[in-house]
Amino acid sequence: MAFTEELSAFFDTADFAVEATYRAGGTGPLVTKSVIFDRAYLETLGISGSEPVALGIATDFATADASDTLAIGGTTYRISTVEPQDDGGTVLIRLST
């Protein structure tokens, strides 16, 4: 029997998550998804900046690719990579502006 995780509590916008507007291909219909967004400051070898990432439920982003966009907090990001996580239920979405 396959193990299925109930992730809705983690992606509740009243707690951890924020609403994001997803657009396939950058021109498809707007779809609202819940993601956990982070724009952490990084510094490596004297180069600093931030790397925005969003953690989402895998089934919400099953067909996501680099031509898609995700708008969060008034900023539209282009998805650069979608990386499955070890739990099988979530994906890490690396974003660029």
PDB file of N, CA and C in Angstrom:
ATOM      1  N   MET A   1       0.836  -1.179   0.000  1.00  0.00           N
ATOM      2  CA  MET A   1       0.000   0.000   0.000  1.00  0.00           C
ATOM      3  C   MET A   1       0.882   1.244   0.000  1.00  0.00           C
ATOM      4  N   ALA A   2       0.593   2.180  -0.862  1.00  0.00           N
ATOM      5  CA  ALA A   2       1.374   3.405  -0.973  1.00  0.00           C
ATOM      6  C   ALA A   2       1.056   4.353   0.181  1.00  0.00           C
ATOM      7  N   PHE A   3       2.070   5.008   0.661  1.00  0.00           N
ATOM      8  CA  PHE A   3       1.916   5.995   1.727  1.00  0.00           C
ATOM      9  C   PHE A   3       1.572   7.345   1.103  1.00  0.00           C
ATOM     10  N   THR A   4       0.504   7.967   1.581  1.00  0.00           N
ATOM     11  CA  THR A   4       0.145   9.293   1.091  1.00  0.00           C
ATOM     12  C   THR A   4       0.122  10.256   2.263  1.00  0.00           C
ATOM     13  N   GLU A   5       0.767  11.363   2.094  1.00  0.00           N
ATOM     14  CA  GLU A   5       0.900  12.381   3.126  1.00  0.00           C
ATOM     15  C   GLU A   5      -0.172  13.439   2.953  1.00  0.00           C
ATOM     16  N   GLU A   6      -0.777  13.859   4.039  1.00  0.00           N
ATOM     17  CA  GLU A   6      -1.738  14.965   4.009  1.00  0.00           C
ATOM     18  C   GLU A   6      -0.962  16.254   4.279  1.00  0.00           C
ATOM     19  N   LEU A   7      -0.758  17.061   3.234  1.00  0.00           N
ATOM     20  CA  LEU A   7       0.094  18.242   3.321  1.00  0.00           C
ATOM     21  C   LEU A   7      -0.669  19.545   3.506  1.00  0.00           C
ATOM     22  N   SER A   8      -1.984  19.512   3.477  1.00  0.00           N
ATOM     23  CA  SER A   8      -2.764  20.757   3.487  1.00  0.00           C
ATOM     24  C   SER A   8      -2.481  21.628   4.705  1.00  0.00           C
ATOM     25  N   ALA A   9      -2.188  21.050   5.859  1.00  0.00           N
ATOM     26  CA  ALA A   9      -1.906  21.850   7.053  1.00  0.00           C
ATOM     27  C   ALA A   9      -0.656  22.709   6.877  1.00  0.00           C
ATOM     28  N   PHE A  10       0.324  22.204   6.167  1.00  0.00           N
ATOM     29  CA  PHE A  10       1.561  22.956   5.952  1.00  0.00           C
ATOM     30  C   PHE A  10       1.388  24.071   4.928  1.00  0.00           C
ATOM     31  N   PHE A  11       0.435  23.914   4.042  1.00  0.00           N
ATOM     32  CA  PHE A  11       0.223  24.888   2.972  1.00  0.00           C
ATOM     33  C   PHE A  11      -1.018  25.742   3.219  1.00  0.00           C
ATOM     34  N   ASP A  12      -1.376  25.912   4.480  1.00  0.00           N
ATOM     35  CA  ASP A  12      -2.485  26.773   4.883  1.00  0.00           C
ATOM     36  C   ASP A  12      -1.979  28.212   4.920  1.00  0.00           C
ATOM     37  N   THR A  13      -2.621  29.110   4.185  1.00  0.00           N
ATOM     38  CA  THR A  13      -2.153  30.503   4.114  1.00  0.00           C
ATOM     39  C   THR A  13      -2.371  31.264   5.421  1.00  0.00           C
ATOM     40  N   ALA A  14      -3.107  30.699   6.346  1.00  0.00           N
ATOM     41  CA  ALA A  14      -3.262  31.331   7.660  1.00  0.00           C
ATOM     42  C   ALA A  14      -2.045  31.059   8.547  1.00  0.00           C
ATOM     43  N   ASP A  15      -1.208  30.100   8.159  1.00  0.00           N
ATOM     44  CA  ASP A  15      -0.049  29.737   8.973  1.00  0.00           C
ATOM     45  C   ASP A  15       1.268  29.943   8.239  1.00  0.00           C
ATOM     46  N   PHE A  16       1.690  28.950   7.455  1.00  0.00           N
ATOM     47  CA  PHE A  16       3.026  28.947   6.867  1.00  0.00           C
ATOM     48  C   PHE A  16       3.088  29.442   5.431  1.00  0.00           C
ATOM     49  N   ALA A  17       2.040  29.259   4.694  1.00  0.00           N
ATOM     50  CA  ALA A  17       2.081  29.452   3.240  1.00  0.00           C
ATOM     51  C   ALA A  17       1.572  30.826   2.814  1.00  0.00           C
ATOM     52  N   VAL A  18       1.824  31.147   1.558  1.00  0.00           N
ATOM     53  CA  VAL A  18       1.293  32.356   0.920  1.00  0.00           C
ATOM     54  C   VAL A  18       0.618  31.942  -0.382  1.00  0.00           C
ATOM     55  N   GLU A  19      -0.267  32.787  -0.852  1.00  0.00           N
ATOM     56  CA  GLU A  19      -0.896  32.525  -2.150  1.00  0.00           C
ATOM     57  C   GLU A  19       0.061  32.926  -3.260  1.00  0.00           C
ATOM     58  N   ALA A  20       0.119  32.108  -4.277  1.00  0.00           N
ATOM     59  CA  ALA A  20       0.935  32.377  -5.455  1.00  0.00           C
ATOM     60  C   ALA A  20       0.060  32.161  -6.676  1.00  0.00           C
ATOM     61  N   THR A  21       0.256  32.991  -7.674  1.00  0.00           N
ATOM     62  CA  THR A  21      -0.493  32.851  -8.914  1.00  0.00           C
ATOM     63  C   THR A  21       0.408  32.177  -9.936  1.00  0.00           C
ATOM     64  N   TYR A  22       0.004  30.986 -10.337  1.00  0.00           N
ATOM     65  CA  TYR A  22       0.780  30.159 -11.264  1.00  0.00           C
ATOM     66  C   TYR A  22       0.215  30.320 -12.668  1.00  0.00           C
ATOM     67  N   ARG A  23       1.125  30.460 -13.638  1.00  0.00           N
ATOM     68  CA  ARG A  23       0.711  30.581 -15.037  1.00  0.00           C
ATOM     69  C   ARG A  23       1.599  29.680 -15.881  1.00  0.00           C
ATOM     70  N   ALA A  24       1.023  28.628 -16.431  1.00  0.00           N
ATOM     71  CA  ALA A  24       1.779  27.701 -17.282  1.00  0.00           C
ATOM     72  C   ALA A  24       2.194  28.400 -18.570  1.00  0.00           C
ATOM     73  N   GLY A  25       3.452  28.222 -18.935  1.00  0.00           N
ATOM     74  CA  GLY A  25       3.960  28.805 -20.171  1.00  0.00           C
ATOM     75  C   GLY A  25       4.039  30.313 -20.162  1.00  0.00           C
ATOM     76  N   GLY A  26       3.746  30.929 -19.030  1.00  0.00           N
ATOM     77  CA  GLY A  26       3.755  32.380 -18.936  1.00  0.00           C
ATOM     78  C   GLY A  26       2.561  33.030 -19.603  1.00  0.00           C
ATOM     79  N   THR A  27       1.723  32.243 -20.296  1.00  0.00           N
ATOM     80  CA  THR A  27       0.562  32.807 -20.989  1.00  0.00           C
ATOM     81  C   THR A  27      -0.723  32.041 -20.697  1.00  0.00           C
ATOM     82  N   GLY A  28      -0.623  30.930 -19.971  1.00  0.00           N
ATOM     83  CA  GLY A  28      -1.798  30.121 -19.660  1.00  0.00           C
ATOM     84  C   GLY A  28      -2.714  30.805 -18.660  1.00  0.00           C
ATOM     85  N   PRO A  29      -3.801  30.136 -18.284  1.00  0.00           N
ATOM     86  CA  PRO A  29      -4.725  30.717 -17.317  1.00  0.00           C
ATOM     87  C   PRO A  29      -4.059  30.862 -15.940  1.00  0.00           C
ATOM     88  N   LEU A  30      -4.460  31.870 -15.200  1.00  0.00           N
ATOM     89  CA  LEU A  30      -3.953  32.082 -13.847  1.00  0.00           C
ATOM     90  C   LEU A  30      -4.615  31.092 -12.897  1.00  0.00           C
ATOM     91  N   VAL A  31      -3.805  30.437 -12.095  1.00  0.00           N
ATOM     92  CA  VAL A  31      -4.295  29.478 -11.118  1.00  0.00           C
ATOM     93  C   VAL A  31      -3.647  29.816  -9.775  1.00  0.00           C
ATOM     94  N   THR A  32      -4.451  29.938  -8.721  1.00  0.00           N
ATOM     95  CA  THR A  32      -3.925  30.251  -7.400  1.00  0.00           C
ATOM     96  C   THR A  32      -3.516  28.964  -6.690  1.00  0.00           C
ATOM     97  N   LYS A  33      -2.288  28.947  -6.185  1.00  0.00           N
ATOM     98  CA  LYS A  33      -1.732  27.812  -5.449  1.00  0.00           C
ATOM     99  C   LYS A  33      -1.176  28.333  -4.129  1.00  0.00           C
ATOM    100  N   SER A  34      -1.061  27.463  -3.151  1.00  0.00           N
ATOM    101  CA  SER A  34      -0.420  27.805  -1.883  1.00  0.00           C
ATOM    102  C   SER A  34       1.004  27.269  -1.908  1.00  0.00           C
ATOM    103  N   VAL A  35       1.968  28.127  -1.539  1.00  0.00           N
ATOM    104  CA  VAL A  35       3.372  27.732  -1.490  1.00  0.00           C
ATOM    105  C   VAL A  35       4.005  28.291  -0.226  1.00  0.00           C
ATOM    106  N   ILE A  36       5.086  27.684   0.175  1.00  0.00           N
ATOM    107  CA  ILE A  36       5.919  28.248   1.230  1.00  0.00           C
ATOM    108  C   ILE A  36       7.056  28.944   0.505  1.00  0.00           C
ATOM    109  N   PHE A  37       7.126  30.274   0.655  1.00  0.00           N
ATOM    110  CA  PHE A  37       8.066  31.094  -0.114  1.00  0.00           C
ATOM    111  C   PHE A  37       9.226  31.526   0.761  1.00  0.00           C
ATOM    112  N   ASP A  38      10.426  31.487   0.212  1.00  0.00           N
ATOM    113  CA  ASP A  38      11.617  31.931   0.920  1.00  0.00           C
ATOM    114  C   ASP A  38      12.528  32.660  -0.060  1.00  0.00           C
ATOM    115  N   ARG A  39      13.040  33.776   0.386  1.00  0.00           N
ATOM    116  CA  ARG A  39      13.978  34.558  -0.414  1.00  0.00           C
ATOM    117  C   ARG A  39      15.198  34.826   0.458  1.00  0.00           C
ATOM    118  N   ALA A  40      15.847  33.746   0.870  1.00  0.00           N
ATOM    119  CA  ALA A  40      16.954  33.809   1.822  1.00  0.00           C
ATOM    120  C   ALA A  40      18.165  34.523   1.223  1.00  0.00           C
ATOM    121  N   TYR A  41      18.854  35.273   2.079  1.00  0.00           N
ATOM    122  CA  TYR A  41      20.098  35.926   1.703  1.00  0.00           C
ATOM    123  C   TYR A  41      21.212  34.893   1.748  1.00  0.00           C
ATOM    124  N   LEU A  42      22.026  34.860   0.701  1.00  0.00           N
ATOM    125  CA  LEU A  42      23.136  33.925   0.614  1.00  0.00           C
ATOM    126  C   LEU A  42      24.427  34.670   0.321  1.00  0.00           C
ATOM    127  N   GLU A  43      25.533  34.160   0.853  1.00  0.00           N
ATOM    128  CA  GLU A  43      26.843  34.704   0.507  1.00  0.00           C
ATOM    129  C   GLU A  43      27.807  33.541   0.372  1.00  0.00           C
ATOM    130  N   THR A  44      28.391  33.414  -0.826  1.00  0.00           N
ATOM    131  CA  THR A  44      29.333  32.339  -1.110  1.00  0.00           C
ATOM    132  C   THR A  44      30.511  32.905  -1.873  1.00  0.00           C
ATOM    133  N   LEU A  45      31.696  32.667  -1.371  1.00  0.00           N
ATOM    134  CA  LEU A  45      32.930  33.107  -2.028  1.00  0.00           C
ATOM    135  C   LEU A  45      32.908  34.598  -2.371  1.00  0.00           C
ATOM    136  N   GLY A  46      32.371  35.402  -1.473  1.00  0.00           N
ATOM    137  CA  GLY A  46      32.336  36.845  -1.668  1.00  0.00           C
ATOM    138  C   GLY A  46      31.224  37.346  -2.567  1.00  0.00           C
ATOM    139  N   ILE A  47      30.388  36.460  -3.072  1.00  0.00           N
ATOM    140  CA  ILE A  47      29.254  36.848  -3.910  1.00  0.00           C
ATOM    141  C   ILE A  47      27.994  36.706  -3.074  1.00  0.00           C
ATOM    142  N   SER A  48      27.214  37.782  -3.012  1.00  0.00           N
ATOM    143  CA  SER A  48      26.023  37.731  -2.170  1.00  0.00           C
ATOM    144  C   SER A  48      24.775  38.039  -2.989  1.00  0.00           C
ATOM    145  N   GLY A  49      23.661  37.617  -2.460  1.00  0.00           N
ATOM    146  CA  GLY A  49      22.387  37.865  -3.111  1.00  0.00           C
ATOM    147  C   GLY A  49      21.322  36.995  -2.479  1.00  0.00           C
ATOM    148  N   SER A  50      20.178  36.942  -3.124  1.00  0.00           N
ATOM    149  CA  SER A  50      19.121  36.083  -2.608  1.00  0.00           C
ATOM    150  C   SER A  50      18.705  35.098  -3.690  1.00  0.00           C
ATOM    151  N   GLU A  51      18.257  33.953  -3.238  1.00  0.00           N
ATOM    152  CA  GLU A  51      17.776  32.942  -4.163  1.00  0.00           C
ATOM    153  C   GLU A  51      16.330  32.631  -3.800  1.00  0.00           C
ATOM    154  N   PRO A  52      15.379  33.224  -4.506  1.00  0.00           N
ATOM    155  CA  PRO A  52      13.986  32.942  -4.175  1.00  0.00           C
ATOM    156  C   PRO A  52      13.601  31.511  -4.548  1.00  0.00           C
ATOM    157  N   VAL A  53      12.935  30.842  -3.612  1.00  0.00           N
ATOM    158  CA  VAL A  53      12.447  29.489  -3.838  1.00  0.00           C
ATOM    159  C   VAL A  53      11.031  29.381  -3.285  1.00  0.00           C
ATOM    160  N   ALA A  54      10.275  28.462  -3.834  1.00  0.00           N
ATOM    161  CA  ALA A  54       8.935  28.169  -3.341  1.00  0.00           C
ATOM    162  C   ALA A  54       8.828  26.658  -3.168  1.00  0.00           C
ATOM    163  N   LEU A  55       8.243  26.246  -2.063  1.00  0.00           N
ATOM    164  CA  LEU A  55       7.983  24.837  -1.822  1.00  0.00           C
ATOM    165  C   LEU A  55       6.503  24.617  -2.055  1.00  0.00           C
ATOM    166  N   GLY A  56       6.172  23.677  -2.927  1.00  0.00           N
ATOM    167  CA  GLY A  56       4.774  23.446  -3.265  1.00  0.00           C
ATOM    168  C   GLY A  56       4.419  21.970  -3.237  1.00  0.00           C
ATOM    169  N   ILE A  57       3.128  21.693  -3.250  1.00  0.00           N
ATOM    170  CA  ILE A  57       2.646  20.316  -3.313  1.00  0.00           C
ATOM    171  C   ILE A  57       2.896  19.803  -4.734  1.00  0.00           C
ATOM    172  N   ALA A  58       3.516  18.644  -4.830  1.00  0.00           N
ATOM    173  CA  ALA A  58       3.945  18.101  -6.126  1.00  0.00           C
ATOM    174  C   ALA A  58       2.807  18.011  -7.137  1.00  0.00           C
ATOM    175  N   THR A  59       1.624  17.596  -6.712  1.00  0.00           N
ATOM    176  CA  THR A  59       0.512  17.464  -7.658  1.00  0.00           C
ATOM    177  C   THR A  59       0.043  18.814  -8.185  1.00  0.00           C
ATOM    178  N   ASP A  60       0.276  19.899  -7.441  1.00  0.00           N
ATOM    179  CA  ASP A  60      -0.085  21.239  -7.914  1.00  0.00           C
ATOM    180  C   ASP A  60       0.846  21.716  -9.022  1.00  0.00           C
ATOM    181  N   PHE A  61       2.051  21.164  -9.073  1.00  0.00           N
ATOM    182  CA  PHE A  61       3.059  21.601 -10.043  1.00  0.00           C
ATOM    183  C   PHE A  61       3.581  20.427 -10.867  1.00  0.00           C
ATOM    184  N   ALA A  62       2.709  19.458 -11.143  1.00  0.00           N
ATOM    185  CA  ALA A  62       3.104  18.226 -11.840  1.00  0.00           C
ATOM    186  C   ALA A  62       3.685  18.485 -13.225  1.00  0.00           C
ATOM    187  N   THR A  63       3.225  19.528 -13.911  1.00  0.00           N
ATOM    188  CA  THR A  63       3.712  19.800 -15.268  1.00  0.00           C
ATOM    189  C   THR A  63       4.530  21.087 -15.344  1.00  0.00           C
ATOM    190  N   ALA A  64       4.921  21.634 -14.204  1.00  0.00           N
ATOM    191  CA  ALA A  64       5.669  22.900 -14.189  1.00  0.00           C
ATOM    192  C   ALA A  64       7.018  22.746 -14.871  1.00  0.00           C
ATOM    193  N   ASP A  65       7.403  23.792 -15.626  1.00  0.00           N
ATOM    194  CA  ASP A  65       8.722  23.811 -16.246  1.00  0.00           C
ATOM    195  C   ASP A  65       9.222  25.245 -16.354  1.00  0.00           C
ATOM    196  N   ALA A  66      10.351  25.409 -17.005  1.00  0.00           N
ATOM    197  CA  ALA A  66      11.037  26.701 -17.037  1.00  0.00           C
ATOM    198  C   ALA A  66      10.332  27.786 -17.832  1.00  0.00           C
ATOM    199  N   SER A  67       9.258  27.492 -18.506  1.00  0.00           N
ATOM    200  CA  SER A  67       8.535  28.548 -19.223  1.00  0.00           C
ATOM    201  C   SER A  67       7.368  29.098 -18.394  1.00  0.00           C
ATOM    202  N   ASP A  68       7.177  28.562 -17.188  1.00  0.00           N
ATOM    203  CA  ASP A  68       6.062  28.960 -16.343  1.00  0.00           C
ATOM    204  C   ASP A  68       6.444  30.122 -15.424  1.00  0.00           C
ATOM    205  N   THR A  69       5.424  30.816 -14.915  1.00  0.00           N
ATOM    206  CA  THR A  69       5.669  31.914 -13.978  1.00  0.00           C
ATOM    207  C   THR A  69       4.883  31.690 -12.695  1.00  0.00           C
ATOM    208  N   LEU A  70       5.366  32.323 -11.631  1.00  0.00           N
ATOM    209  CA  LEU A  70       4.741  32.272 -10.325  1.00  0.00           C
ATOM    210  C   LEU A  70       4.802  33.683  -9.756  1.00  0.00           C
ATOM    211  N   ALA A  71       3.649  34.286  -9.506  1.00  0.00           N
ATOM    212  CA  ALA A  71       3.590  35.635  -8.948  1.00  0.00           C
ATOM    213  C   ALA A  71       3.313  35.531  -7.454  1.00  0.00           C
ATOM    214  N   ILE A  72       4.190  36.164  -6.669  1.00  0.00           N
ATOM    215  CA  ILE A  72       4.082  36.131  -5.209  1.00  0.00           C
ATOM    216  C   ILE A  72       4.309  37.536  -4.692  1.00  0.00           C
ATOM    217  N   GLY A  73       3.350  38.057  -3.929  1.00  0.00           N
ATOM    218  CA  GLY A  73       3.517  39.368  -3.310  1.00  0.00           C
ATOM    219  C   GLY A  73       3.795  40.490  -4.279  1.00  0.00           C
ATOM    220  N   GLY A  74       3.184  40.466  -5.446  1.00  0.00           N
ATOM    221  CA  GLY A  74       3.353  41.536  -6.411  1.00  0.00           C
ATOM    222  C   GLY A  74       4.566  41.400  -7.324  1.00  0.00           C
ATOM    223  N   THR A  75       5.366  40.363  -7.150  1.00  0.00           N
ATOM    224  CA  THR A  75       6.526  40.122  -8.007  1.00  0.00           C
ATOM    225  C   THR A  75       6.288  38.859  -8.813  1.00  0.00           C
ATOM    226  N   THR A  76       6.539  38.922 -10.105  1.00  0.00           N
ATOM    227  CA  THR A  76       6.395  37.745 -10.964  1.00  0.00           C
ATOM    228  C   THR A  76       7.768  37.135 -11.181  1.00  0.00           C
ATOM    229  N   TYR A  77       7.864  35.858 -10.881  1.00  0.00           N
ATOM    230  CA  TYR A  77       9.103  35.101 -11.022  1.00  0.00           C
ATOM    231  C   TYR A  77       8.941  34.082 -12.141  1.00  0.00           C
ATOM    232  N   ARG A  78      10.021  33.788 -12.820  1.00  0.00           N
ATOM    233  CA  ARG A  78      10.037  32.711 -13.800  1.00  0.00           C
ATOM    234  C   ARG A  78      10.591  31.476 -13.091  1.00  0.00           C
ATOM    235  N   ILE A  79       9.948  30.350 -13.288  1.00  0.00           N
ATOM    236  CA  ILE A  79      10.438  29.106 -12.700  1.00  0.00           C
ATOM    237  C   ILE A  79      11.696  28.691 -13.454  1.00  0.00           C
ATOM    238  N   SER A  80      12.790  28.481 -12.713  1.00  0.00           N
ATOM    239  CA  SER A  80      14.021  28.056 -13.377  1.00  0.00           C
ATOM    240  C   SER A  80      14.214  26.550 -13.265  1.00  0.00           C
ATOM    241  N   THR A  81      13.866  25.948 -12.136  1.00  0.00           N
ATOM    242  CA  THR A  81      13.918  24.488 -12.003  1.00  0.00           C
ATOM    243  C   THR A  81      12.843  24.017 -11.030  1.00  0.00           C
ATOM    244  N   VAL A  82      12.432  22.787 -11.202  1.00  0.00           N
ATOM    245  CA  VAL A  82      11.491  22.130 -10.289  1.00  0.00           C
ATOM    246  C   VAL A  82      12.188  20.875  -9.798  1.00  0.00           C
ATOM    247  N   GLU A  83      12.396  20.779  -8.474  1.00  0.00           N
ATOM    248  CA  GLU A  83      13.159  19.680  -7.902  1.00  0.00           C
ATOM    249  C   GLU A  83      12.297  18.874  -6.934  1.00  0.00           C
ATOM    250  N   PRO A  84      12.022  17.601  -7.229  1.00  0.00           N
ATOM    251  CA  PRO A  84      11.259  16.764  -6.301  1.00  0.00           C
ATOM    252  C   PRO A  84      11.999  16.646  -4.967  1.00  0.00           C
ATOM    253  N   GLN A  85      11.250  16.600  -3.875  1.00  0.00           N
ATOM    254  CA  GLN A  85      11.830  16.439  -2.549  1.00  0.00           C
ATOM    255  C   GLN A  85      11.750  14.983  -2.111  1.00  0.00           C
ATOM    256  N   ASP A  86      12.494  14.638  -1.079  1.00  0.00           N
ATOM    257  CA  ASP A  86      12.580  13.256  -0.610  1.00  0.00           C
ATOM    258  C   ASP A  86      11.255  12.686  -0.117  1.00  0.00           C
ATOM    259  N   ASP A  87      10.309  13.556   0.250  1.00  0.00           N
ATOM    260  CA  ASP A  87       9.050  13.049   0.801  1.00  0.00           C
ATOM    261  C   ASP A  87       8.073  12.595  -0.279  1.00  0.00           C
ATOM    262  N   GLY A  88       8.356  12.888  -1.537  1.00  0.00           N
ATOM    263  CA  GLY A  88       7.488  12.474  -2.641  1.00  0.00           C
ATOM    264  C   GLY A  88       6.247  13.309  -2.814  1.00  0.00           C
ATOM    265  N   GLY A  89       5.954  14.173  -1.859  1.00  0.00           N
ATOM    266  CA  GLY A  89       4.741  14.979  -1.937  1.00  0.00           C
ATOM    267  C   GLY A  89       4.959  16.438  -2.272  1.00  0.00           C
ATOM    268  N   THR A  90       6.206  16.905  -2.181  1.00  0.00           N
ATOM    269  CA  THR A  90       6.477  18.316  -2.419  1.00  0.00           C
ATOM    270  C   THR A  90       7.586  18.497  -3.435  1.00  0.00           C
ATOM    271  N   VAL A  91       7.644  19.708  -4.000  1.00  0.00           N
ATOM    272  CA  VAL A  91       8.698  20.076  -4.931  1.00  0.00           C
ATOM    273  C   VAL A  91       9.291  21.411  -4.505  1.00  0.00           C
ATOM    274  N   LEU A  92      10.578  21.576  -4.711  1.00  0.00           N
ATOM    275  CA  LEU A  92      11.238  22.850  -4.498  1.00  0.00           C
ATOM    276  C   LEU A  92      11.336  23.523  -5.850  1.00  0.00           C
ATOM    277  N   ILE A  93      10.813  24.730  -5.935  1.00  0.00           N
ATOM    278  CA  ILE A  93      10.775  25.457  -7.201  1.00  0.00           C
ATOM    279  C   ILE A  93      11.761  26.610  -7.094  1.00  0.00           C
ATOM    280  N   ARG A  94      12.812  26.562  -7.861  1.00  0.00           N
ATOM    281  CA  ARG A  94      13.773  27.666  -7.878  1.00  0.00           C
ATOM    282  C   ARG A  94      13.259  28.714  -8.852  1.00  0.00           C
ATOM    283  N   LEU A  95      13.348  29.978  -8.420  1.00  0.00           N
ATOM    284  CA  LEU A  95      12.755  31.078  -9.173  1.00  0.00           C
ATOM    285  C   LEU A  95      13.817  32.077  -9.583  1.00  0.00           C
ATOM    286  N   SER A  96      13.550  32.787 -10.654  1.00  0.00           N
ATOM    287  CA  SER A  96      14.388  33.907 -11.080  1.00  0.00           C
ATOM    288  C   SER A  96      13.472  35.059 -11.477  1.00  0.00           C
ATOM    289  N   THR A  97      14.001  36.271 -11.415  1.00  0.00           N
ATOM    290  CA  THR A  97      13.195  37.439 -11.777  1.00  0.00           C
ATOM    291  C   THR A  97      13.472  37.855 -13.185  1.00  0.00           C
TER     292      THR A  97
END
